[in-house]
Amino acid sequence: MSEQDRQHVVRVPGSRRAKLTRVEGTTAEPHVRDERTAGTTDDHGPNDDRMLREVPPHY
């Protein structure tokens, strides 16, 4: 990857955020992930019940 193939940070006057330059061959669309699902009720480990009952000390 050469220096020209990389994105560069461009400061925008009057803005709190900077912008990145575009790189050829890329798109602005986010990557699509497979939807995550929680485990079934049959997937219990030996400590699951205890961990679900415990509450962190800052609550």
N, C-alpha and C. Protein backbone atom coordinates (compact mmCIF):
# COMPACT_ATOMS: atom_id res chain seq x y z
N MET A 1 0.85 -1.17 0.00
CA MET A 1 0.00 0.00 0.00
C MET A 1 0.89 1.23 0.00
N SER A 2 0.76 2.03 -1.00
CA SER A 2 1.59 3.23 -1.08
C SER A 2 0.97 4.36 -0.28
N GLU A 3 1.70 5.43 -0.14
CA GLU A 3 1.23 6.59 0.62
C GLU A 3 -0.01 7.20 -0.02
N GLN A 4 -0.15 7.13 -1.34
CA GLN A 4 -1.30 7.71 -2.03
C GLN A 4 -2.55 6.86 -1.86
N ASP A 5 -2.41 5.57 -1.55
CA ASP A 5 -3.55 4.68 -1.39
C ASP A 5 -4.20 4.80 -0.02
N ARG A 6 -3.58 5.51 0.89
CA ARG A 6 -4.10 5.62 2.25
C ARG A 6 -5.02 6.81 2.39
N GLN A 7 -5.89 6.75 3.40
CA GLN A 7 -6.74 7.89 3.71
C GLN A 7 -5.92 8.95 4.45
N HIS A 8 -6.31 10.20 4.28
CA HIS A 8 -5.66 11.30 4.97
C HIS A 8 -6.70 12.08 5.75
N VAL A 9 -6.30 12.61 6.89
CA VAL A 9 -7.19 13.41 7.72
C VAL A 9 -7.17 14.84 7.20
N VAL A 10 -8.37 15.39 6.96
CA VAL A 10 -8.49 16.77 6.47
C VAL A 10 -9.25 17.56 7.52
N ARG A 11 -8.64 18.60 8.02
CA ARG A 11 -9.32 19.46 9.01
C ARG A 11 -10.35 20.32 8.31
N VAL A 12 -11.51 20.47 8.96
CA VAL A 12 -12.59 21.29 8.42
C VAL A 12 -12.69 22.53 9.30
N PRO A 13 -12.45 23.71 8.72
CA PRO A 13 -12.52 24.94 9.53
C PRO A 13 -13.92 25.14 10.13
N GLY A 14 -13.97 25.47 11.40
CA GLY A 14 -15.24 25.73 12.08
C GLY A 14 -15.97 24.47 12.50
N SER A 15 -15.38 23.32 12.31
CA SER A 15 -16.03 22.06 12.68
C SER A 15 -15.20 21.36 13.74
N ARG A 16 -15.87 20.61 14.61
CA ARG A 16 -15.16 19.86 15.63
C ARG A 16 -14.62 18.55 15.08
N ARG A 17 -15.14 18.11 13.96
CA ARG A 17 -14.73 16.83 13.41
C ARG A 17 -13.92 17.02 12.14
N ALA A 18 -13.02 16.11 11.93
CA ALA A 18 -12.23 16.10 10.71
C ALA A 18 -12.87 15.13 9.72
N LYS A 19 -12.44 15.21 8.47
CA LYS A 19 -12.94 14.29 7.45
C LYS A 19 -11.78 13.45 6.94
N LEU A 20 -12.11 12.27 6.42
CA LEU A 20 -11.11 11.42 5.80
C LEU A 20 -11.28 11.47 4.30
N THR A 21 -10.17 11.45 3.58
CA THR A 21 -10.24 11.44 2.13
C THR A 21 -10.70 10.07 1.66
N ARG A 22 -11.26 10.03 0.48
CA ARG A 22 -11.77 8.80 -0.11
C ARG A 22 -10.61 8.03 -0.73
N VAL A 23 -10.72 6.71 -0.69
CA VAL A 23 -9.72 5.84 -1.31
C VAL A 23 -10.41 5.08 -2.43
N GLU A 24 -9.77 5.03 -3.59
CA GLU A 24 -10.35 4.32 -4.73
C GLU A 24 -10.60 2.85 -4.38
N GLY A 25 -11.73 2.34 -4.84
CA GLY A 25 -12.06 0.94 -4.59
C GLY A 25 -12.81 0.69 -3.31
N THR A 26 -13.16 1.76 -2.57
CA THR A 26 -13.90 1.60 -1.33
C THR A 26 -15.27 2.25 -1.47
N THR A 27 -16.19 1.87 -0.59
CA THR A 27 -17.52 2.46 -0.58
C THR A 27 -17.81 3.00 0.82
N ALA A 28 -18.81 3.85 0.92
CA ALA A 28 -19.17 4.44 2.20
C ALA A 28 -20.21 3.59 2.94
N GLU A 29 -20.74 2.55 2.29
CA GLU A 29 -21.75 1.72 2.94
C GLU A 29 -21.11 0.89 4.04
N PRO A 30 -21.82 0.72 5.16
CA PRO A 30 -21.28 -0.11 6.23
C PRO A 30 -21.31 -1.59 5.85
N HIS A 31 -20.47 -2.36 6.49
CA HIS A 31 -20.46 -3.80 6.25
C HIS A 31 -21.72 -4.40 6.85
N VAL A 32 -22.30 -5.36 6.17
CA VAL A 32 -23.51 -6.02 6.66
C VAL A 32 -23.09 -7.27 7.42
N ARG A 33 -23.52 -7.36 8.66
CA ARG A 33 -23.20 -8.52 9.49
C ARG A 33 -24.41 -9.43 9.58
N ASP A 34 -24.15 -10.69 9.83
CA ASP A 34 -25.23 -11.61 10.13
C ASP A 34 -25.80 -11.24 11.49
N GLU A 35 -27.10 -11.36 11.63
CA GLU A 35 -27.73 -10.99 12.89
C GLU A 35 -27.33 -11.98 13.98
N ARG A 36 -26.94 -11.44 15.11
CA ARG A 36 -26.56 -12.30 16.23
C ARG A 36 -27.80 -12.73 16.98
N THR A 37 -27.78 -13.95 17.44
CA THR A 37 -28.91 -14.45 18.23
C THR A 37 -28.38 -14.96 19.56
N ALA A 38 -29.21 -14.88 20.56
CA ALA A 38 -28.84 -15.40 21.87
C ALA A 38 -28.94 -16.91 21.84
N GLY A 39 -28.23 -17.54 22.74
CA GLY A 39 -28.29 -19.00 22.83
C GLY A 39 -29.67 -19.46 23.26
N THR A 40 -29.95 -20.70 23.01
CA THR A 40 -31.24 -21.25 23.40
C THR A 40 -31.26 -21.53 24.89
N THR A 41 -32.40 -21.85 25.42
CA THR A 41 -32.51 -22.11 26.86
C THR A 41 -31.79 -23.40 27.24
N ASP A 42 -31.50 -24.27 26.30
CA ASP A 42 -30.80 -25.52 26.59
C ASP A 42 -29.29 -25.33 26.69
N ASP A 43 -28.78 -24.16 26.34
CA ASP A 43 -27.34 -23.91 26.34
C ASP A 43 -26.91 -23.29 27.67
N HIS A 44 -27.02 -24.02 28.77
CA HIS A 44 -26.64 -23.51 30.07
C HIS A 44 -25.34 -24.15 30.52
N GLY A 45 -24.48 -23.33 31.10
CA GLY A 45 -23.25 -23.83 31.69
C GLY A 45 -23.42 -23.98 33.18
N PRO A 46 -22.40 -24.45 33.87
CA PRO A 46 -22.53 -24.70 35.31
C PRO A 46 -22.67 -23.42 36.14
N ASN A 47 -22.21 -22.27 35.66
CA ASN A 47 -22.26 -21.04 36.46
C ASN A 47 -23.29 -20.03 35.95
N ASP A 48 -24.06 -20.36 34.93
CA ASP A 48 -24.98 -19.40 34.34
C ASP A 48 -26.02 -18.88 35.32
N ASP A 49 -26.63 -19.75 36.11
CA ASP A 49 -27.67 -19.30 37.05
C ASP A 49 -27.11 -18.34 38.07
N ARG A 50 -25.93 -18.64 38.62
CA ARG A 50 -25.32 -17.76 39.62
C ARG A 50 -24.96 -16.41 39.01
N MET A 51 -24.42 -16.41 37.79
CA MET A 51 -24.02 -15.16 37.16
C MET A 51 -25.22 -14.29 36.82
N LEU A 52 -26.34 -14.88 36.46
CA LEU A 52 -27.54 -14.10 36.14
C LEU A 52 -28.17 -13.51 37.40
N ARG A 53 -27.98 -14.15 38.56
CA ARG A 53 -28.54 -13.62 39.81
C ARG A 53 -27.69 -12.50 40.39
N GLU A 54 -26.38 -12.51 40.13
CA GLU A 54 -25.47 -11.53 40.73
C GLU A 54 -25.70 -10.14 40.12
N VAL A 55 -25.52 -9.13 40.97
CA VAL A 55 -25.66 -7.74 40.54
C VAL A 55 -24.33 -7.04 40.83
N PRO A 56 -23.83 -6.26 39.90
CA PRO A 56 -22.57 -5.55 40.17
C PRO A 56 -22.70 -4.65 41.39
N PRO A 57 -21.60 -4.38 42.10
CA PRO A 57 -21.68 -3.61 43.34
C PRO A 57 -22.12 -2.16 43.15
N HIS A 58 -22.04 -1.60 41.96
CA HIS A 58 -22.42 -0.19 41.79
C HIS A 58 -23.90 -0.01 41.54
N TYR A 59 -24.71 -1.08 41.56
CA TYR A 59 -26.16 -0.94 41.35
C TYR A 59 -26.87 -0.62 42.62
